[in-house]
């Protein structure tokens, strides 16, 4: 059952990646926009981080009853860590002299919110299953 859920997370995250990235890239190209960063890297970071978070929480909920009750609080700490890691990995974009336009900023935020929304759905299902 655990393997089935982990595989399900992988498939959904992969679909979110391909649909989100290619649709986002298509919209950027049709509007003749360019960004000072790689949209692919942003989507890859978010997809990999979400897969790690969802998989870890599923494993924690399955094998550790002690942590299963605290998953909501652990998720909040994980979000802070994910934001910190994102800032560390993409510091050349976030903390440079480059002025980000509104489309640039929006293109950074769209993948973050897509995967954040999915993470919240998964964590909520895990918490409700363990309640």
N, C-alpha and C. Protein backbone atom coordinates (compact mmCIF):
# COMPACT_ATOMS: atom_id res chain seq x y z
N UNK A 1 0.83 -1.20 0.00
CA UNK A 1 0.00 0.00 0.00
C UNK A 1 0.87 1.26 0.00
N UNK A 2 1.96 1.22 0.77
CA UNK A 2 2.86 2.37 0.83
C UNK A 2 3.49 2.64 -0.53
N UNK A 3 3.94 1.59 -1.19
CA UNK A 3 4.58 1.75 -2.50
C UNK A 3 3.58 2.32 -3.50
N UNK A 4 2.34 1.87 -3.42
CA UNK A 4 1.30 2.37 -4.32
C UNK A 4 1.07 3.87 -4.11
N UNK A 5 1.03 4.31 -2.85
CA UNK A 5 0.84 5.74 -2.58
C UNK A 5 2.03 6.56 -3.02
N UNK A 6 3.25 6.05 -2.78
CA UNK A 6 4.46 6.78 -3.20
C UNK A 6 4.52 6.88 -4.72
N UNK A 7 4.17 5.81 -5.41
CA UNK A 7 4.14 5.84 -6.86
C UNK A 7 3.07 6.81 -7.37
N UNK A 8 1.94 6.85 -6.69
CA UNK A 8 0.87 7.79 -7.03
C UNK A 8 1.36 9.23 -6.89
N UNK A 9 2.08 9.53 -5.81
CA UNK A 9 2.65 10.88 -5.63
C UNK A 9 3.61 11.21 -6.76
N UNK A 10 4.45 10.25 -7.11
CA UNK A 10 5.42 10.48 -8.18
C UNK A 10 4.73 10.79 -9.50
N UNK A 11 3.71 10.02 -9.83
CA UNK A 11 3.00 10.22 -11.09
C UNK A 11 2.30 11.58 -11.11
N UNK A 12 1.63 11.94 -10.04
CA UNK A 12 0.93 13.23 -10.00
C UNK A 12 1.92 14.39 -10.06
N UNK A 13 3.03 14.29 -9.35
CA UNK A 13 4.03 15.35 -9.40
C UNK A 13 4.64 15.46 -10.78
N UNK A 14 4.88 14.32 -11.44
CA UNK A 14 5.41 14.34 -12.81
C UNK A 14 4.41 14.99 -13.77
N UNK A 15 3.14 14.67 -13.61
CA UNK A 15 2.11 15.29 -14.46
C UNK A 15 2.03 16.79 -14.20
N UNK A 16 2.07 17.18 -12.93
CA UNK A 16 2.08 18.62 -12.60
C UNK A 16 3.29 19.30 -13.23
N UNK A 17 4.44 18.63 -13.18
CA UNK A 17 5.65 19.20 -13.76
C UNK A 17 5.49 19.42 -15.26
N UNK A 18 5.11 18.36 -15.98
CA UNK A 18 5.02 18.47 -17.43
C UNK A 18 3.92 19.43 -17.87
N UNK A 19 2.75 19.33 -17.28
CA UNK A 19 1.67 20.25 -17.64
C UNK A 19 2.02 21.69 -17.28
N UNK A 20 2.48 21.87 -16.04
CA UNK A 20 2.80 23.22 -15.58
C UNK A 20 3.92 23.85 -16.36
N UNK A 21 5.02 23.11 -16.52
CA UNK A 21 6.18 23.69 -17.20
C UNK A 21 5.90 23.99 -18.67
N UNK A 22 5.33 23.04 -19.38
CA UNK A 22 5.13 23.26 -20.81
C UNK A 22 4.04 24.30 -21.09
N UNK A 23 3.00 24.32 -20.28
CA UNK A 23 1.97 25.35 -20.43
C UNK A 23 2.54 26.72 -20.09
N UNK A 24 3.30 26.79 -19.02
CA UNK A 24 3.93 28.04 -18.60
C UNK A 24 4.91 28.54 -19.68
N UNK A 25 5.73 27.63 -20.20
CA UNK A 25 6.68 27.99 -21.26
C UNK A 25 5.96 28.46 -22.51
N UNK A 26 4.88 27.79 -22.86
CA UNK A 26 4.11 28.18 -24.04
C UNK A 26 3.55 29.59 -23.88
N UNK A 27 3.01 29.90 -22.72
CA UNK A 27 2.45 31.24 -22.47
C UNK A 27 3.55 32.29 -22.53
N UNK A 28 4.71 31.99 -21.99
CA UNK A 28 5.83 32.93 -22.03
C UNK A 28 6.28 33.17 -23.47
N UNK A 29 6.38 32.10 -24.25
CA UNK A 29 6.82 32.24 -25.64
C UNK A 29 5.80 32.98 -26.49
N UNK A 30 4.52 32.72 -26.29
CA UNK A 30 3.51 33.39 -27.11
C UNK A 30 3.41 34.88 -26.78
N UNK A 31 3.81 35.26 -25.58
CA UNK A 31 3.80 36.67 -25.21
C UNK A 31 5.16 37.34 -25.37
N UNK A 32 6.10 36.64 -26.01
CA UNK A 32 7.45 37.15 -26.27
C UNK A 32 8.12 37.70 -25.00
N UNK A 33 8.03 36.94 -23.94
CA UNK A 33 8.67 37.32 -22.68
C UNK A 33 9.97 36.53 -22.53
N UNK A 34 10.88 37.08 -21.78
CA UNK A 34 12.09 36.34 -21.43
C UNK A 34 12.39 36.62 -19.97
N UNK A 35 12.95 35.62 -19.31
CA UNK A 35 13.26 35.73 -17.89
C UNK A 35 14.76 35.63 -17.68
N UNK A 36 15.27 36.27 -16.64
CA UNK A 36 16.71 36.16 -16.34
C UNK A 36 17.05 34.87 -15.57
N UNK A 37 16.17 33.89 -15.61
CA UNK A 37 16.38 32.62 -14.92
C UNK A 37 15.79 31.50 -15.74
N UNK A 38 16.15 30.29 -15.39
CA UNK A 38 15.64 29.12 -16.08
C UNK A 38 14.36 28.65 -15.42
N UNK A 39 13.29 28.72 -16.15
CA UNK A 39 12.00 28.25 -15.63
C UNK A 39 12.05 26.75 -15.36
N UNK A 40 12.78 26.02 -16.17
CA UNK A 40 12.93 24.58 -15.98
C UNK A 40 13.53 24.26 -14.62
N UNK A 41 14.56 25.02 -14.23
CA UNK A 41 15.19 24.77 -12.93
C UNK A 41 14.24 25.06 -11.77
N UNK A 42 13.42 26.07 -11.91
CA UNK A 42 12.45 26.40 -10.86
C UNK A 42 11.45 25.24 -10.71
N UNK A 43 10.91 24.77 -11.83
CA UNK A 43 9.95 23.66 -11.79
C UNK A 43 10.60 22.38 -11.27
N UNK A 44 11.84 22.10 -11.70
CA UNK A 44 12.53 20.90 -11.23
C UNK A 44 12.76 20.95 -9.72
N UNK A 45 13.21 22.09 -9.22
CA UNK A 45 13.43 22.22 -7.78
C UNK A 45 12.14 21.96 -7.02
N UNK A 46 11.08 22.61 -7.44
CA UNK A 46 9.80 22.46 -6.74
C UNK A 46 9.28 21.03 -6.82
N UNK A 47 9.40 20.39 -7.99
CA UNK A 47 8.92 19.02 -8.14
C UNK A 47 9.70 18.05 -7.26
N UNK A 48 11.02 18.18 -7.26
CA UNK A 48 11.85 17.29 -6.45
C UNK A 48 11.60 17.52 -4.96
N UNK A 49 11.53 18.77 -4.55
CA UNK A 49 11.29 19.08 -3.14
C UNK A 49 9.93 18.55 -2.71
N UNK A 50 8.91 18.71 -3.53
CA UNK A 50 7.58 18.22 -3.21
C UNK A 50 7.55 16.70 -3.12
N UNK A 51 8.25 16.04 -4.03
CA UNK A 51 8.31 14.58 -4.00
C UNK A 51 9.00 14.10 -2.71
N UNK A 52 10.07 14.75 -2.32
CA UNK A 52 10.77 14.38 -1.09
C UNK A 52 9.87 14.61 0.13
N UNK A 53 9.20 15.76 0.16
CA UNK A 53 8.33 16.07 1.30
C UNK A 53 7.17 15.09 1.40
N UNK A 54 6.47 14.89 0.30
CA UNK A 54 5.31 13.98 0.33
C UNK A 54 5.72 12.56 0.66
N UNK A 55 6.81 12.09 0.06
CA UNK A 55 7.29 10.74 0.34
C UNK A 55 7.73 10.58 1.78
N UNK A 56 8.46 11.56 2.29
CA UNK A 56 8.92 11.50 3.68
C UNK A 56 7.76 11.48 4.66
N UNK A 57 6.77 12.31 4.40
CA UNK A 57 5.63 12.36 5.32
C UNK A 57 4.80 11.09 5.25
N UNK A 58 4.69 10.52 4.09
CA UNK A 58 3.97 9.25 3.97
C UNK A 58 4.70 8.15 4.74
N UNK A 59 6.02 8.12 4.61
CA UNK A 59 6.81 7.12 5.32
C UNK A 59 6.74 7.35 6.83
N UNK A 60 6.85 8.61 7.25
CA UNK A 60 6.74 8.92 8.67
C UNK A 60 5.39 8.50 9.23
N UNK A 61 4.33 8.80 8.51
CA UNK A 61 2.98 8.46 8.98
C UNK A 61 2.77 6.96 9.04
N UNK A 62 3.42 6.24 8.12
CA UNK A 62 3.23 4.79 8.07
C UNK A 62 4.01 4.06 9.16
N UNK A 63 5.26 4.47 9.38
CA UNK A 63 6.13 3.70 10.26
C UNK A 63 6.32 4.28 11.65
N UNK A 64 5.95 5.53 11.87
CA UNK A 64 6.20 6.13 13.18
C UNK A 64 4.91 6.74 13.72
N UNK A 65 4.31 6.05 14.65
CA UNK A 65 3.08 6.57 15.26
C UNK A 65 3.38 7.79 16.14
N UNK A 66 4.60 7.86 16.65
CA UNK A 66 4.98 8.99 17.49
C UNK A 66 4.99 10.29 16.70
N UNK A 67 5.52 10.24 15.48
CA UNK A 67 5.58 11.44 14.65
C UNK A 67 4.28 11.69 13.89
N UNK A 68 3.45 10.68 13.72
CA UNK A 68 2.22 10.81 12.95
C UNK A 68 1.30 11.88 13.53
N UNK A 69 1.31 12.03 14.85
CA UNK A 69 0.45 13.03 15.47
C UNK A 69 1.01 14.44 15.32
N UNK A 70 2.27 14.57 15.02
CA UNK A 70 2.92 15.88 14.92
C UNK A 70 3.20 16.31 13.49
N UNK A 71 2.66 15.61 12.51
CA UNK A 71 2.99 15.88 11.11
C UNK A 71 2.64 17.31 10.67
N UNK A 72 1.58 17.86 11.18
CA UNK A 72 1.21 19.23 10.82
C UNK A 72 2.27 20.23 11.24
N UNK A 73 2.78 20.07 12.44
CA UNK A 73 3.82 20.97 12.93
C UNK A 73 5.14 20.73 12.20
N UNK A 74 5.43 19.47 11.92
CA UNK A 74 6.65 19.15 11.18
C UNK A 74 6.57 19.75 9.77
N UNK A 75 5.37 19.72 9.18
CA UNK A 75 5.21 20.29 7.84
C UNK A 75 5.49 21.79 7.84
N UNK A 76 5.05 22.49 8.87
CA UNK A 76 5.34 23.93 8.95
C UNK A 76 6.84 24.19 8.99
N UNK A 77 7.56 23.40 9.75
CA UNK A 77 9.02 23.54 9.80
C UNK A 77 9.65 23.18 8.46
N UNK A 78 9.08 22.19 7.80
CA UNK A 78 9.58 21.79 6.49
C UNK A 78 9.40 22.91 5.47
N UNK A 79 8.31 23.63 5.56
CA UNK A 79 8.08 24.75 4.64
C UNK A 79 9.14 25.83 4.81
N UNK A 80 9.50 26.12 6.05
CA UNK A 80 10.55 27.10 6.31
C UNK A 80 11.87 26.61 5.70
N UNK A 81 12.16 25.33 5.87
CA UNK A 81 13.37 24.76 5.29
C UNK A 81 13.37 24.80 3.78
N UNK A 82 12.21 24.52 3.19
CA UNK A 82 12.11 24.54 1.72
C UNK A 82 12.32 25.95 1.18
N UNK A 83 11.74 26.93 1.85
CA UNK A 83 11.92 28.32 1.44
C UNK A 83 13.39 28.72 1.58
N UNK A 84 14.01 28.32 2.68
CA UNK A 84 15.42 28.63 2.88
C UNK A 84 16.29 27.98 1.83
N UNK A 85 16.03 26.72 1.51
CA UNK A 85 16.80 26.03 0.48
C UNK A 85 16.58 26.67 -0.88
N UNK A 86 15.35 27.06 -1.18
CA UNK A 86 15.06 27.74 -2.44
C UNK A 86 15.86 29.04 -2.54
N UNK A 87 15.89 29.81 -1.46
CA UNK A 87 16.65 31.06 -1.45
C UNK A 87 18.14 30.80 -1.61
N UNK A 88 18.62 29.71 -1.02
CA UNK A 88 20.03 29.37 -1.13
C UNK A 88 20.40 28.94 -2.55
N UNK A 89 19.57 28.10 -3.15
CA UNK A 89 19.85 27.59 -4.49
C UNK A 89 19.70 28.69 -5.54
N UNK A 90 18.69 29.53 -5.38
CA UNK A 90 18.41 30.56 -6.39
C UNK A 90 18.78 31.96 -5.89
N UNK A 91 19.82 32.06 -5.07
CA UNK A 91 20.22 33.37 -4.55
C UNK A 91 20.71 34.31 -5.63
N UNK A 92 21.23 33.78 -6.74
CA UNK A 92 21.67 34.65 -7.84
C UNK A 92 20.50 35.37 -8.50
N UNK A 93 19.31 34.84 -8.36
CA UNK A 93 18.11 35.49 -8.91
C UNK A 93 17.50 36.42 -7.86
N UNK A 94 17.37 35.92 -6.66
CA UNK A 94 16.63 36.64 -5.63
C UNK A 94 17.41 37.80 -5.01
N UNK A 95 18.72 37.65 -4.88
CA UNK A 95 19.50 38.64 -4.16
C UNK A 95 20.55 39.34 -5.02
N UNK A 96 20.27 39.49 -6.29
CA UNK A 96 21.22 40.15 -7.18
C UNK A 96 20.69 41.53 -7.54
N UNK A 97 21.43 42.21 -8.38
CA UNK A 97 21.02 43.54 -8.82
C UNK A 97 19.98 43.49 -9.94
N UNK A 98 19.62 42.30 -10.34
CA UNK A 98 18.62 42.14 -11.40
C UNK A 98 17.27 42.61 -10.87
N UNK A 99 16.64 43.49 -11.63
CA UNK A 99 15.29 43.94 -11.28
C UNK A 99 14.30 42.96 -11.92
N UNK A 100 13.51 42.31 -11.08
CA UNK A 100 12.51 41.38 -11.59
C UNK A 100 11.23 42.13 -11.92
N UNK A 101 10.76 41.94 -13.12
CA UNK A 101 9.50 42.55 -13.53
C UNK A 101 8.35 41.75 -12.93
N UNK A 102 7.14 42.25 -13.09
CA UNK A 102 5.98 41.51 -12.57
C UNK A 102 5.84 40.13 -13.23
N UNK A 103 6.02 40.02 -14.56
CA UNK A 103 5.96 38.67 -15.14
C UNK A 103 7.07 37.75 -14.61
N UNK A 104 8.26 38.30 -14.34
CA UNK A 104 9.34 37.49 -13.77
C UNK A 104 8.95 36.99 -12.39
N UNK A 105 8.46 37.88 -11.56
CA UNK A 105 8.06 37.51 -10.20
C UNK A 105 6.92 36.50 -10.22
N UNK A 106 5.98 36.71 -11.11
CA UNK A 106 4.85 35.79 -11.23
C UNK A 106 5.32 34.41 -11.69
N UNK A 107 6.30 34.39 -12.60
CA UNK A 107 6.82 33.11 -13.08
C UNK A 107 7.60 32.37 -12.00
N UNK A 108 8.14 33.09 -11.04
CA UNK A 108 8.78 32.43 -9.90
C UNK A 108 7.73 31.87 -8.93
N UNK A 109 6.64 32.59 -8.77
CA UNK A 109 5.63 32.20 -7.77
C UNK A 109 4.67 31.12 -8.25
N UNK A 110 4.38 31.07 -9.53
CA UNK A 110 3.42 30.08 -10.04
C UNK A 110 3.83 28.65 -9.69
N UNK A 111 5.07 28.22 -9.98
CA UNK A 111 5.42 26.84 -9.61
C UNK A 111 5.41 26.61 -8.09
N UNK A 112 5.78 27.62 -7.34
CA UNK A 112 5.78 27.49 -5.88
C UNK A 112 4.36 27.19 -5.40
N UNK A 113 3.39 27.94 -5.89
CA UNK A 113 2.02 27.75 -5.43
C UNK A 113 1.38 26.48 -5.97
N UNK A 114 1.75 26.07 -7.18
CA UNK A 114 1.23 24.81 -7.72
C UNK A 114 1.62 23.66 -6.80
N UNK A 115 2.90 23.58 -6.49
CA UNK A 115 3.37 22.47 -5.67
C UNK A 115 2.99 22.62 -4.20
N UNK A 116 2.90 23.83 -3.72
CA UNK A 116 2.44 24.06 -2.34
C UNK A 116 1.00 23.56 -2.18
N UNK A 117 0.16 23.86 -3.17
CA UNK A 117 -1.22 23.41 -3.13
C UNK A 117 -1.29 21.88 -3.09
N UNK A 118 -0.47 21.23 -3.90
CA UNK A 118 -0.47 19.76 -3.91
C UNK A 118 0.04 19.20 -2.58
N UNK A 119 1.09 19.81 -2.04
CA UNK A 119 1.63 19.35 -0.76
C UNK A 119 0.56 19.43 0.34
N UNK A 120 -0.16 20.52 0.37
CA UNK A 120 -1.20 20.70 1.39
C UNK A 120 -2.27 19.64 1.25
N UNK A 121 -2.66 19.32 0.03
CA UNK A 121 -3.65 18.26 -0.19
C UNK A 121 -3.14 16.92 0.33
N UNK A 122 -1.89 16.59 0.01
CA UNK A 122 -1.32 15.31 0.44
C UNK A 122 -1.20 15.26 1.96
N UNK A 123 -0.66 16.30 2.57
CA UNK A 123 -0.48 16.29 4.03
C UNK A 123 -1.83 16.23 4.73
N UNK A 124 -2.83 16.92 4.19
CA UNK A 124 -4.17 16.86 4.77
C UNK A 124 -4.74 15.44 4.70
N UNK A 125 -4.57 14.77 3.57
CA UNK A 125 -5.05 13.39 3.46
C UNK A 125 -4.32 12.47 4.45
N UNK A 126 -3.02 12.66 4.59
CA UNK A 126 -2.27 11.85 5.53
C UNK A 126 -2.75 12.10 6.96
N UNK A 127 -2.94 13.36 7.32
CA UNK A 127 -3.38 13.69 8.67
C UNK A 127 -4.78 13.14 8.94
N UNK A 128 -5.67 13.25 7.96
CA UNK A 128 -7.03 12.74 8.15
C UNK A 128 -7.06 11.20 8.24
N UNK A 129 -6.17 10.57 7.52
CA UNK A 129 -6.10 9.11 7.56
C UNK A 129 -5.60 8.63 8.93
N UNK A 130 -4.70 9.40 9.53
CA UNK A 130 -4.13 9.03 10.82
C UNK A 130 -4.95 9.50 12.02
N UNK A 131 -5.98 10.30 11.77
CA UNK A 131 -6.77 10.86 12.88
C UNK A 131 -7.70 9.83 13.47
